[in-house]
Protein backbone atom coordinates (compact mmCIF):
# COMPACT_ATOMS: atom_id res chain seq x y z
CA MET A 1 -64.83 82.23 39.28
CA ALA A 2 -67.53 79.39 38.82
CA GLN A 3 -70.35 78.95 41.00
CA PRO A 4 -70.07 76.27 43.94
CA GLY A 5 -72.69 74.14 42.16
CA THR A 6 -71.09 73.99 39.10
CA ALA A 7 -67.54 72.78 40.23
CA LEU A 8 -68.45 69.34 39.92
CA ALA A 9 -69.95 69.69 36.52
CA SER A 10 -66.84 71.47 35.28
CA LYS A 11 -64.06 69.58 37.02
CA GLY A 12 -61.12 69.23 34.49
CA LYS A 13 -62.61 71.50 32.11
CA THR A 14 -61.05 74.78 31.07
CA SER A 15 -63.68 77.78 30.97
CA LEU A 16 -63.46 81.33 29.66
CA VAL A 17 -62.47 82.78 33.14
CA ASP A 18 -59.54 80.51 34.20
CA PHE A 19 -57.86 79.78 30.87
CA LEU A 20 -54.35 81.43 30.23
CA GLU A 21 -55.05 84.19 27.56
CA HIS A 22 -51.59 84.34 26.37
CA ASP A 23 -51.14 80.61 25.87
CA THR A 24 -51.11 79.63 22.14
CA LYS A 25 -52.11 75.86 23.24
CA ALA A 26 -55.07 76.48 25.37
CA ILE A 27 -58.25 74.65 24.81
CA ILE A 28 -61.77 76.05 26.04
CA ASP A 29 -63.77 73.05 26.71
CA SER A 30 -66.17 73.99 29.62
CA PRO A 31 -69.79 73.43 28.64
CA ARG A 32 -71.10 77.08 29.68
CA SER A 33 -68.17 78.44 28.02
CA LEU A 34 -69.11 76.66 24.99
CA GLN A 35 -72.90 77.53 25.23
CA ALA A 36 -71.61 81.14 25.83
CA CYS A 37 -69.53 80.97 22.77
CA ALA A 38 -72.37 79.33 20.78
CA GLY A 39 -74.85 82.17 21.91
CA GLU A 40 -72.51 84.69 20.85
CA GLY A 41 -71.69 83.24 17.46
CA VAL A 42 -67.87 82.87 18.17
CA ALA A 43 -65.63 79.73 17.67
CA PRO A 44 -63.69 79.02 20.76
CA GLN A 45 -60.49 78.68 18.75
CA ASP A 46 -60.93 82.33 17.80
CA LEU A 47 -60.47 83.31 21.49
CA ILE A 48 -56.82 81.84 21.72
CA TYR A 49 -53.92 83.85 21.69
CA LYS A 50 -51.77 84.23 18.61
CA PRO A 51 -48.13 86.01 18.77
CA ILE A 52 -47.02 88.61 16.41
CA GLU A 53 -44.87 86.00 14.36
CA ALA A 54 -48.12 84.24 13.28
CA PHE A 55 -49.11 87.39 11.27
CA ALA A 56 -45.73 87.77 9.52
CA GLU A 57 -45.46 87.32 5.86
CA LYS A 58 -42.61 87.42 3.17
CA GLY A 59 -42.20 90.97 1.95
CA LEU A 60 -44.80 92.37 4.56
CA GLU A 61 -43.56 95.45 6.56
CA PRO A 62 -43.30 95.36 10.34
CA ARG A 63 -45.66 98.18 10.77
CA LEU A 64 -48.41 96.07 8.88
CA VAL A 65 -47.80 92.88 10.75
CA LYS A 66 -48.08 95.00 13.91
CA LEU A 67 -51.38 96.48 12.57
CA ARG A 68 -52.84 92.94 11.93
CA TYR A 69 -51.57 91.81 15.28
CA ASP A 70 -53.54 94.71 17.08
CA PHE A 71 -56.69 94.14 14.93
CA PHE A 72 -56.49 90.43 16.16
CA GLU A 73 -56.03 91.17 19.49
CA ALA A 74 -58.68 94.08 19.82
CA LYS A 75 -61.17 91.63 18.05
CA ARG A 76 -60.22 88.76 20.28
CA ASN A 77 -60.50 90.96 23.45
CA ASP A 78 -63.91 92.01 22.24
CA LEU A 79 -65.30 88.72 21.58
CA LEU A 80 -63.79 87.38 24.81
CA ALA A 81 -65.55 90.07 26.93
CA ALA A 82 -68.85 89.36 25.08
CA CYS A 83 -68.41 85.59 25.70
CA ARG A 84 -67.67 86.14 29.37
CA ARG A 85 -70.55 88.47 29.73
CA SER A 86 -72.91 85.73 28.04
CA ARG A 87 -71.32 83.01 30.28
CA GLU A 88 -72.08 85.26 33.55
CA ILE A 89 -75.60 85.72 32.40
CA ILE A 90 -75.85 81.87 31.87
CA LEU A 91 -74.56 81.39 35.40
CA GLU A 92 -77.09 83.94 36.95
CA GLU A 93 -79.96 82.13 35.03
CA GLU A 94 -78.81 78.94 36.43
CA GLY A 95 -78.38 80.36 40.02
CA ARG A 96 -81.89 81.72 39.87
CA GLU A 97 -83.22 78.23 38.59
CA ARG A 98 -81.51 76.71 41.51
CA ASN A 99 -82.78 79.10 43.88
CA HIS A 100 -86.48 78.32 42.75
CA SER A 101 -85.93 74.58 42.54
CA MET A 102 -86.70 72.29 45.64
CA THR A 103 -83.74 69.89 44.85
CA GLY A 104 -81.24 72.65 44.34
CA MET A 105 -80.44 71.59 40.65
CA THR A 106 -81.18 72.87 37.34
CA LEU A 107 -83.47 71.07 34.85
CA ALA A 108 -80.44 70.39 32.78
CA GLU A 109 -78.41 68.90 35.71
CA MET A 110 -81.40 66.79 36.79
CA SER A 111 -81.68 65.65 33.10
CA ARG A 112 -77.99 64.51 33.07
CA ALA A 113 -78.34 63.03 36.36
CA LYS A 114 -81.63 60.96 35.94
CA GLY A 115 -81.54 60.35 32.12
CA ILE A 116 -84.73 61.91 31.43
CA SER A 117 -85.44 64.92 29.16
CA THR A 118 -85.96 68.29 30.52
CA GLY A 119 -89.59 68.52 28.86
CA VAL A 120 -90.56 65.66 31.10
CA LEU A 121 -88.94 67.04 34.24
CA SER A 122 -90.81 70.27 33.62
CA ALA A 123 -93.93 68.41 33.48
CA MET A 124 -93.29 66.55 36.64
CA GLN A 125 -92.80 69.81 38.34
CA SER A 126 -95.78 71.58 36.72
CA ASP A 127 -98.76 73.14 38.61
CA CYS A 128 -101.07 71.72 36.26
CA VAL A 129 -100.33 68.09 37.45
CA LYS A 130 -100.68 69.39 41.11
CA GLN A 131 -104.11 70.83 40.24
CA GLU A 132 -105.40 67.62 38.50
CA ARG A 133 -104.15 65.83 41.65
CA SER A 134 -105.91 68.25 44.07
CA ARG A 135 -109.22 67.70 41.92
CA LEU A 136 -108.80 64.04 42.13
CA GLN A 137 -108.16 64.14 45.70
CA HIS A 138 -111.28 66.40 46.26
CA ALA A 139 -113.52 64.06 43.94
CA GLN A 140 -112.15 61.04 45.79
CA HIS A 141 -113.14 62.41 49.18
CA LEU A 142 -116.70 63.21 48.04
CA GLN A 143 -117.25 59.80 46.59
CA LEU A 144 -115.78 57.92 49.79
CA GLN A 145 -117.99 60.44 51.81
CA TRP A 146 -120.96 59.40 49.42
CA LEU A 147 -120.17 55.50 49.74
CA GLN A 148 -119.87 55.96 53.66
CA ASN A 149 -123.28 57.84 53.89
CA CYS A 150 -124.93 55.05 51.76
CA LEU A 151 -123.29 52.25 53.68
CA ALA A 152 -124.05 53.90 57.11
CA HIS A 153 -127.66 54.20 55.96
CA GLN A 154 -127.90 50.49 54.86
CA LEU A 155 -126.20 49.37 57.99
CA HIS A 156 -128.82 51.22 60.05
CA GLN A 157 -131.72 50.01 58.09
CA THR A 158 -130.12 46.28 58.68
CA LYS A 159 -130.02 47.31 62.52
CA MET A 160 -133.57 48.45 62.54
CA LEU A 161 -134.67 45.18 60.62
CA GLU A 162 -132.73 42.96 62.78
CA LYS A 163 -134.04 44.89 66.15
CA ALA A 164 -137.74 44.34 64.71
CA ASP A 165 -136.93 40.72 63.80
CA GLN A 166 -135.54 39.91 67.25
CA PHE A 167 -138.55 41.80 68.72
CA MET A 168 -141.03 39.86 66.71
CA GLN A 169 -139.42 36.58 67.52
CA ALA A 170 -139.62 37.39 71.51
CA GLU A 171 -143.09 38.43 71.34
CA GLU A 172 -143.81 35.28 69.23
CA ALA A 173 -142.20 33.27 71.80
CA ASP A 174 -143.68 34.92 74.95
CA GLU A 175 -147.17 35.08 73.49
CA GLN A 176 -147.19 31.79 71.22
CA GLN A 177 -150.51 30.84 73.02
CA GLY A 178 -151.80 34.20 72.99
CA ASN A 179 -154.55 35.90 71.10
CA LYS A 180 -154.22 35.06 67.03
CA ASP A 181 -155.99 38.36 66.48
CA ALA A 182 -153.11 40.30 68.17
CA ALA A 183 -150.45 38.23 66.28
CA GLU A 184 -152.37 39.13 63.04
CA ARG A 185 -152.71 42.75 63.84
CA MET A 186 -149.06 42.64 64.62
CA ARG A 187 -148.08 40.87 61.40
CA LYS A 188 -149.99 43.28 59.22
CA LYS A 189 -148.31 46.20 61.37
CA ASN A 190 -145.02 44.82 60.56
CA GLU A 191 -146.02 43.88 56.87
CA GLU A 192 -146.81 47.53 56.58
CA LYS A 193 -143.82 48.85 58.12
CA ARG A 194 -141.70 46.75 56.11
CA MET A 195 -143.48 47.94 53.03
CA ARG A 196 -142.75 51.71 54.18
CA GLU A 197 -139.27 50.60 54.75
CA GLU A 198 -138.96 49.03 51.41
CA GLN A 199 -140.53 52.06 50.00
CA LYS A 200 -138.09 54.26 51.62
CA MET A 201 -135.31 51.92 50.40
CA ALA A 202 -136.43 52.24 46.79
CA GLU A 203 -136.69 56.07 47.15
CA LEU A 204 -133.23 56.09 48.35
CA ALA A 205 -132.09 53.87 45.37
CA ALA A 206 -133.61 56.33 43.19
CA GLN A 207 -131.91 59.09 44.90
CA GLN A 208 -128.44 57.36 44.75
CA LYS A 209 -129.29 56.59 40.89
CA LEU A 210 -130.06 60.08 40.15
CA GLU A 211 -126.85 61.20 41.95
CA GLN A 212 -124.92 58.80 39.79
CA GLN A 213 -126.80 60.16 36.74
CA ILE A 214 -125.84 63.79 37.83
CA ALA A 215 -122.11 62.70 38.41
CA LYS A 216 -122.25 61.09 35.12
CA GLU A 217 -123.75 63.99 33.18
CA GLU A 218 -120.95 66.38 35.01
CA PHE A 219 -118.45 64.05 33.58
CA GLU A 220 -119.95 63.91 30.12
CA ARG A 221 -120.23 67.79 30.36
CA GLN A 222 -116.51 68.19 30.98
CA GLN A 223 -115.79 65.94 28.03
CA GLU A 224 -118.21 68.00 25.87
CA GLU A 225 -116.47 71.17 26.94
CA LEU A 226 -112.98 69.68 26.29
CA GLU A 227 -114.28 68.52 22.70
CA HIS A 228 -115.81 71.90 22.12
CA GLU A 229 -112.50 73.74 22.90
CA LYS A 230 -110.90 71.50 20.58
CA GLN A 231 -113.62 72.34 18.05
CA LEU A 232 -113.08 76.15 18.66
CA ALA A 233 -109.36 75.93 18.25
CA GLU A 234 -109.97 74.18 14.84
CA GLN A 235 -112.31 76.74 14.03
CA ARG A 236 -110.00 79.56 14.81
CA ARG A 237 -107.27 77.84 12.83
CA LYS A 238 -109.52 77.57 9.69
CA GLU A 239 -110.53 81.04 9.85
CA ALA A 240 -106.97 82.19 10.31
CA HIS A 241 -106.28 80.05 7.04
CA ALA A 242 -109.38 81.41 5.26
CA ARG A 243 -108.11 84.92 6.23
CA SER A 244 -104.75 84.09 4.86
CA MET A 245 -106.20 82.97 1.28
CA ALA A 246 -108.22 86.01 1.46
CA ASP A 247 -105.35 88.31 2.05
CA GLN A 248 -103.29 86.45 -0.75
CA ALA A 249 -106.46 86.79 -3.05
CA ALA A 250 -106.47 90.63 -2.14
CA LYS A 251 -102.73 90.87 -2.83
CA LYS A 252 -103.12 89.09 -6.21
CA LYS A 253 -105.94 91.30 -6.99
CA ALA A 254 -103.81 94.53 -6.20
CA GLU A 255 -101.03 93.27 -8.26
CA GLU A 256 -103.34 92.43 -11.28
CA ASP A 257 -104.75 96.22 -10.79
CA LYS A 258 -101.39 97.52 -10.79
CA ALA A 259 -100.20 95.64 -13.83
CA GLU A 260 -103.25 96.88 -15.48
CA ARG A 261 -102.69 100.53 -14.63
CA ARG A 262 -99.06 100.10 -15.66
CA ARG A 263 -100.34 98.70 -18.97
CA GLN A 264 -102.98 101.60 -19.30
CA ALA A 265 -100.10 104.23 -18.41
CA TRP A 266 -97.75 102.64 -20.98
CA MET A 267 -100.79 102.83 -23.61
CA HIS A 268 -101.41 106.21 -22.77
CA GLN A 269 -97.59 107.20 -22.95
CA GLN A 270 -97.60 105.72 -26.47
CA ARG A 271 -100.42 107.62 -27.61
CA GLN A 272 -98.59 110.70 -26.46
CA LEU A 273 -95.69 109.76 -28.20
CA GLU A 274 -97.62 109.12 -31.50
CA GLU A 275 -99.13 112.76 -31.12
CA MET A 276 -95.66 114.15 -30.46
CA ARG A 277 -94.53 112.59 -33.47
CA ALA A 278 -97.40 113.78 -35.62
CA ASN A 279 -96.83 117.44 -34.18
CA ASP A 280 -93.07 117.15 -34.92
CA GLU A 281 -93.96 116.27 -38.68
CA ARG A 282 -96.58 119.20 -38.87
CA ARG A 283 -93.95 121.41 -37.51
CA ASN A 284 -91.20 120.00 -39.99
CA GLU A 285 -93.81 120.61 -42.83
CA ILE A 286 -94.59 124.03 -41.80
CA ARG A 287 -90.82 124.85 -41.22
CA ARG A 288 -90.05 123.65 -44.82
CA LEU A 289 -92.87 125.56 -46.18
CA GLN A 290 -91.60 128.85 -44.41
CA LYS A 291 -88.08 128.22 -45.66
CA ALA A 292 -89.17 127.90 -49.18
CA LYS A 293 -91.06 131.06 -48.72
CA GLN A 294 -87.82 132.75 -47.27
CA ASN A 295 -85.76 131.45 -50.15
CA ALA A 296 -88.29 132.75 -52.83
CA ASP A 297 -88.22 136.24 -50.90
CA MET A 298 -84.56 136.43 -50.84
CA GLU A 299 -84.33 135.45 -54.61
CA ALA A 300 -86.89 138.39 -55.42
CA ARG A 301 -84.85 140.93 -53.06
CA ARG A 302 -81.57 139.88 -54.86
CA LYS A 303 -83.11 140.30 -58.18
CA PHE A 304 -84.41 143.56 -57.22
CA LYS A 305 -80.90 144.73 -55.71
CA GLU A 306 -79.24 143.72 -59.04
CA ASP A 307 -81.67 145.72 -61.13
CA ARG A 308 -81.10 148.65 -59.00
CA ILE A 309 -77.34 148.25 -59.40
CA ALA A 310 -77.43 148.13 -62.90
CA LEU A 311 -79.72 151.40 -63.08
CA SER A 312 -77.19 152.98 -60.71
CA LYS A 313 -74.17 152.12 -63.22
CA ALA A 314 -76.18 153.74 -66.08
CA ASN A 315 -76.78 156.73 -64.33
CA LEU A 316 -73.19 157.16 -63.10
CA GLY A 317 -71.84 156.63 -66.73
CA ASP A 318 -73.28 160.06 -67.66
CA LYS A 319 -71.68 162.09 -64.88
CA THR A 320 -68.09 160.35 -65.12
CA GLY A 321 -66.74 163.06 -67.75
CA GLU A 322 -67.54 166.07 -65.52
CA LYS A 323 -66.08 164.19 -62.53
CA MET A 324 -62.88 163.19 -64.25
CA ALA A 325 -61.80 166.71 -64.76
CA ALA A 326 -62.35 167.85 -61.20
CA PHE A 327 -60.54 164.78 -60.32
CA MET A 328 -57.68 165.24 -62.03
CA ALA A 329 -57.25 168.73 -60.74
CA LYS A 330 -57.44 167.79 -57.29
CA GLN A 331 -54.91 164.86 -57.95
CA ASN A 332 -52.43 167.47 -59.09
CA HIS A 333 -52.90 169.47 -55.94
CA GLU A 334 -52.40 166.34 -53.67
CA GLN A 335 -49.08 165.49 -55.63
CA ALA A 336 -47.53 168.51 -54.95
CA ARG A 337 -48.66 168.59 -51.22
CA GLU A 338 -47.09 164.92 -51.05
CA ASP A 339 -43.73 165.85 -52.43
CA ARG A 340 -43.38 168.65 -49.73
CA LEU A 341 -44.19 166.08 -47.12
CA ASN A 342 -41.77 163.53 -48.43
CA ASN A 343 -38.76 166.17 -47.95
CA LEU A 344 -39.84 167.09 -44.58
CA ARG A 345 -40.10 163.17 -43.94
CA LEU A 346 -36.53 162.48 -45.03
CA LEU A 347 -35.11 165.11 -42.58
CA GLN A 348 -37.06 163.67 -39.80
CA GLN A 349 -35.64 160.05 -40.52
CA GLU A 350 -32.01 161.39 -40.71
CA GLU A 351 -32.85 162.76 -37.12
CA GLY A 352 -34.52 159.64 -36.05
CA ALA A 353 -31.61 157.37 -37.11
CA ARG A 354 -29.51 159.22 -34.95
CA ARG A 355 -31.73 158.85 -32.15
CA GLY A 356 -32.45 155.44 -32.81
CA PHE A 357 -28.75 154.46 -32.87
CA GLN A 358 -28.57 155.91 -29.11
CA VAL A 359 -31.69 154.11 -28.36
CA MET A 360 -30.21 150.87 -29.87
CA MET A 361 -27.21 151.09 -27.70
CA LYS A 362 -29.38 151.49 -24.58
CA ARG A 363 -31.47 148.54 -25.57
CA LYS A 364 -28.64 146.32 -26.02
CA ALA A 365 -27.24 147.17 -22.36
CA ILE A 366 -30.75 146.40 -21.12
CA MET A 367 -31.00 143.42 -23.13
CA ASP A 368 -27.45 142.21 -21.74
CA GLU A 369 -28.88 143.01 -18.23
CA ALA A 370 -31.99 141.25 -18.80
CA ASP A 371 -30.01 138.10 -20.29
CA ARG A 372 -27.94 137.99 -17.06
CA LYS A 373 -31.16 138.20 -14.90
CA ALA A 374 -32.93 135.59 -16.98
CA GLU A 375 -29.89 133.30 -16.73
CA GLU A 376 -30.03 133.86 -12.69
CA LYS A 377 -33.78 133.14 -12.83
CA ARG A 378 -33.45 129.98 -15.00
CA ASN A 379 -30.72 128.63 -12.46
CA SER A 380 -33.05 129.39 -9.52
CA ILE A 381 -35.93 127.85 -11.24
CA ILE A 382 -33.95 124.63 -12.01
CA GLU A 383 -32.88 124.31 -8.30
CA HIS A 384 -36.30 125.02 -7.26
CA GLN A 385 -37.56 122.32 -9.76
CA ASN A 386 -35.00 119.75 -8.08
CA GLU A 387 -36.31 120.48 -4.77
CA VAL A 388 -39.74 120.08 -5.80
CA GLU A 389 -38.89 116.82 -7.61
CA HIS A 390 -37.16 115.72 -4.46
CA ARG A 391 -40.10 116.55 -2.16
CA MET A 392 -42.66 115.06 -4.71
CA MET A 393 -40.39 111.80 -4.42
CA LEU A 394 -40.78 111.99 -0.76
CA HIS A 395 -44.53 112.67 -0.98
CA GLU A 396 -44.65 109.70 -3.49
CA MET A 397 -42.99 107.39 -1.11
CA LYS A 398 -45.20 108.77 1.57
CA LYS A 399 -48.40 108.02 -0.38
CA GLU A 400 -47.25 104.49 -1.40
CA ARG A 401 -46.77 103.82 2.26
CA TYR A 402 -50.19 105.27 3.11
CA LEU A 403 -51.74 103.38 0.31
CA GLU A 404 -50.33 100.50 1.46
CA PHE A 405 -51.29 101.04 5.01
CA LYS A 406 -54.74 102.00 3.79
CA ALA A 407 -55.03 98.82 1.93
CA GLU A 408 -54.07 96.75 4.70
CA LEU A 409 -56.70 98.61 7.02
CA ASP A 410 -59.43 98.09 4.15
CA ALA A 411 -58.59 94.39 4.23
CA LEU A 412 -58.85 94.35 7.86
CA LYS A 413 -62.03 96.16 7.70
CA GLU A 414 -63.40 93.54 5.13
CA LYS A 415 -62.13 90.71 7.42
CA ASN A 416 -64.12 92.33 10.57
CA LYS A 417 -67.05 92.34 8.28
CA GLU A 418 -66.77 88.83 7.07
CA ILE A 419 -66.01 87.87 10.98
CA ASN A 420 -69.32 89.67 12.15
CA VAL A 421 -71.35 88.23 9.27
CA ILE A 422 -70.06 84.74 10.25
CA ARG A 423 -70.68 85.43 13.91
CA GLN A 424 -74.23 86.87 13.20
CA ARG A 425 -74.95 83.57 11.25
CA ARG A 426 -73.77 81.32 14.06
CA LYS A 427 -75.80 83.37 16.25
CA GLU A 428 -79.00 82.87 14.28
CA ASP A 429 -78.12 79.23 13.79
CA GLN A 430 -77.70 78.73 17.60
CA LYS A 431 -80.97 80.82 18.15
CA ARG A 432 -82.77 78.42 15.77
CA GLU A 433 -81.41 75.48 17.63
CA ASP A 434 -82.40 76.74 20.86
CA VAL A 435 -85.81 77.67 19.77
CA ALA A 436 -86.13 73.83 18.16
CA GLU A 437 -84.91 72.53 21.59
CA ALA A 438 -87.34 74.76 23.48
CA VAL A 439 -90.32 73.31 21.07
CA ARG A 440 -89.11 69.83 21.62
CA ARG A 441 -89.04 70.28 25.50
CA LYS A 442 -92.58 71.96 25.34
CA ASP A 443 -93.79 69.06 23.18
CA ASP A 444 -92.38 66.51 25.53
CA LYS A 445 -94.10 68.46 28.54
CA ILE A 446 -97.43 68.55 26.64
CA GLU A 447 -97.30 64.80 25.97
CA MET A 448 -96.37 63.96 29.53
CA LEU A 449 -99.11 66.22 30.70
CA HIS A 450 -101.88 64.75 28.87
CA HIS A 451 -100.53 61.32 29.60
CA GLU A 452 -100.62 62.16 33.46
CA ARG A 453 -103.99 63.73 33.01
CA ASP A 454 -105.54 60.59 31.10
CA PHE A 455 -103.72 58.23 33.94
CA LEU A 456 -105.74 60.49 36.71
CA TRP A 457 -108.83 60.35 34.85
CA GLY A 458 -108.71 56.51 34.70
CA LEU A 459 -107.79 56.26 38.54
CA ARG A 460 -110.96 58.50 39.16
CA ARG A 461 -113.04 56.29 36.56
CA THR A 462 -111.64 52.99 38.40
CA THR A 463 -112.52 54.53 42.00
CA GLY A 464 -115.99 55.41 40.86
CA ALA A 465 -116.63 51.85 39.50
CA GLU A 466 -115.12 50.17 42.75
CA ILE A 467 -117.63 52.48 44.77
CA ALA A 468 -120.68 51.61 42.92
CA ARG A 469 -119.63 47.84 42.97
CA ALA A 470 -119.06 48.03 46.63
CA LYS A 471 -122.53 49.54 47.16
CA ASP A 472 -123.99 46.82 44.98
CA GLU A 473 -122.09 44.23 47.07
CA VAL A 474 -123.67 45.50 50.35
CA LYS A 475 -127.09 45.93 48.79
CA GLN A 476 -127.09 42.21 47.52
CA LEU A 477 -125.97 41.11 51.02
CA ILE A 478 -128.82 42.99 52.60
CA THR A 479 -131.34 41.72 49.89
CA SER A 480 -130.48 38.10 50.59
CA MET A 481 -130.94 38.79 54.07
CA LYS A 482 -134.21 40.05 53.61
CA ILE A 483 -135.18 37.18 51.38
CA LYS A 484 -134.09 34.70 54.10
CA SER A 485 -135.52 36.92 57.03
CA ASN A 486 -132.20 36.39 58.77
CA TYR A 487 -130.69 39.75 59.59
CA ASP A 488 -127.11 40.15 60.79
CA ALA A 489 -125.65 43.70 61.39
CA HIS A 490 -122.22 42.11 62.34
CA LYS A 491 -121.84 40.53 59.07
CA VAL A 492 -122.83 43.66 57.12
CA GLU A 493 -120.21 45.56 59.52
CA GLY A 494 -117.68 42.92 58.54
CA THR A 495 -118.22 43.47 54.88
CA MET A 496 -118.07 47.14 55.13
CA ARG A 497 -114.69 47.03 57.10
CA LYS A 498 -113.42 44.76 54.17
CA ILE A 499 -114.55 47.37 51.57
CA PHE A 500 -112.87 50.23 53.32
CA LYS A 501 -109.55 48.32 53.84
CA ARG A 502 -109.37 47.99 49.92
CA LYS A 503 -106.06 49.70 48.53
CA ILE A 504 -108.09 51.67 46.00
CA PHE A 505 -109.97 53.55 48.99
CA ASN A 506 -106.62 54.01 50.88
CA THR A 507 -104.57 55.52 47.99
CA ASP A 508 -103.40 59.09 48.42
CA PHE A 509 -104.13 60.30 44.80
CA GLY A 510 -102.31 63.54 45.73
CA THR A 511 -99.02 61.74 45.48
CA VAL A 512 -99.79 59.15 42.57
CA GLN A 513 -98.38 59.52 39.15
CA SER A 514 -97.90 57.81 36.10
CA MET A 515 -94.27 58.97 35.60
CA PRO A 516 -91.43 57.51 37.52
CA ASP A 517 -90.55 58.95 41.03
CA LEU A 518 -87.28 60.76 40.90
CA GLY A 519 -87.40 62.05 44.37
CA LEU A 520 -88.27 65.71 43.17
CA GLY A 521 -90.68 66.68 45.76
CA PRO A 522 -90.55 66.92 49.63
CA GLN A 523 -92.39 63.76 50.00
CA GLY A 524 -92.12 60.64 48.11
CA THR A 525 -94.66 59.30 45.65
CA GLN A 526 -96.43 55.84 45.48
CA GLY A 527 -95.60 53.41 42.47
CA ALA A 528 -98.44 54.31 39.77
CA VAL A 529 -98.30 51.04 38.38
CA GLU A 530 -98.97 49.20 41.61
CA ASP A 531 -101.78 51.47 42.51
CA TYR A 532 -103.49 51.05 39.24
CA ALA A 533 -102.96 47.36 39.21
CA ALA A 534 -104.52 47.51 42.96
CA GLY A 535 -107.41 49.34 41.90
CA ALA A 536 -108.01 47.00 38.90
CA GLY A 537 -107.72 43.83 40.96
CA VAL A 538 -110.44 44.71 43.45
CA GLU A 539 -112.91 43.60 40.77
CA GLN A 540 -111.21 40.24 40.81
CA LYS A 541 -111.31 39.97 44.72
CA ILE A 542 -115.12 40.83 44.65
CA GLN A 543 -116.00 38.33 42.11
């Protein structure tokens, strides 16, 4: 369920929690739900339920339609769970931000309510501004204390001079007819006292000038520190750029060295190839010479063999006569023996013919039995082949169904990959947009902080100038009294009261700001424009 603080903002909107999951016409338009979907890289329409009829196609089997429906439903449930988790995280972050906020609202809600960017609101709630105001308040307290001490000292001096003047006038009235020497001594004494007082006043003025100089040097030192920090930052940036250029040069040098090593390796390889070709040519030449030598040796051996055969034939021609007689005798003996063997063989053939007929009849019976068994075996084989063909046909049908299922499953896997790629791309785009938005908020915050700091420093300089102007005003009044020898402490006190009633000295710098008052703190703030105008108008009133 939505948080109580978000009920008004999401009134009339449909979120990821309260929309009907099986409504095909549901629309998700809640801001946090859309933000969660964008963070997860999911389009809101991908979370809407689709009936199984939406996946049916012409010629598509019901089981494949069911497969598509189950895939879409599982993917939709996964994306819906991820988006709901992201939405819960967003609500938890907003709850923590509300708990830490003094107004009970998040920066985004205040931005929409006030019409101001979140960067400006963050700057208005920043501790840096509070610290600057605290420093300004402390500096104002020290400056006013110093002004009070200076004016109190001037008033004390005026009262002392007034008392001395009254005393002198009384003595002059009472002793008008008195001794002129005593009056002369008294005048000299008063003159010496006046000189001492003027010397003290000069020393005090020098001390005040020294204090102003110290304050000015402190301000200049702070400005120099800020300038020095800027220079250090610029120097670090330049050093980083120089290191980057050096790294690029080193990488370029390494690439050149690598290319040179490759070129040297290629040249070395080419030299090795040339050496291998030369070695091959030398080996071929040696092999050709060896083959020619072998051919010559074979020709010599052949010629030697033919000579030996011719010599053998000549030797045999001499012995042929003797051997022919012995051979004819042996042939006659062999012919007689062969005749006896032929007669014996004829007798054996007749006996074998009788036995062969018997064997033939037996073999015929065996062959008939073998033909019968072969026919039975052939019939069984044909029957088995038919059964195998039937099983193969069933297997092919199952294979086709499996291939169709596998093709559909592969298509769904590819679809899932495409969905994940698109989702990842959307998430990266959303992250880039979030980073850009955070950078814009920080830029707005930095700009407003600089503006507020400059505004507070301007108020501090204005206050210092007004303090110096008030001191000079009192000092001129007392100087004119000294010139006229007409001292009036009440007039000095009245001038001091007017000075301390000026608005620039009664402004609470802890609540002054240049940005508009949006009621973000526990107490209200004064109008920055009026305070600044009041401080600037003091000079016109004095003149």
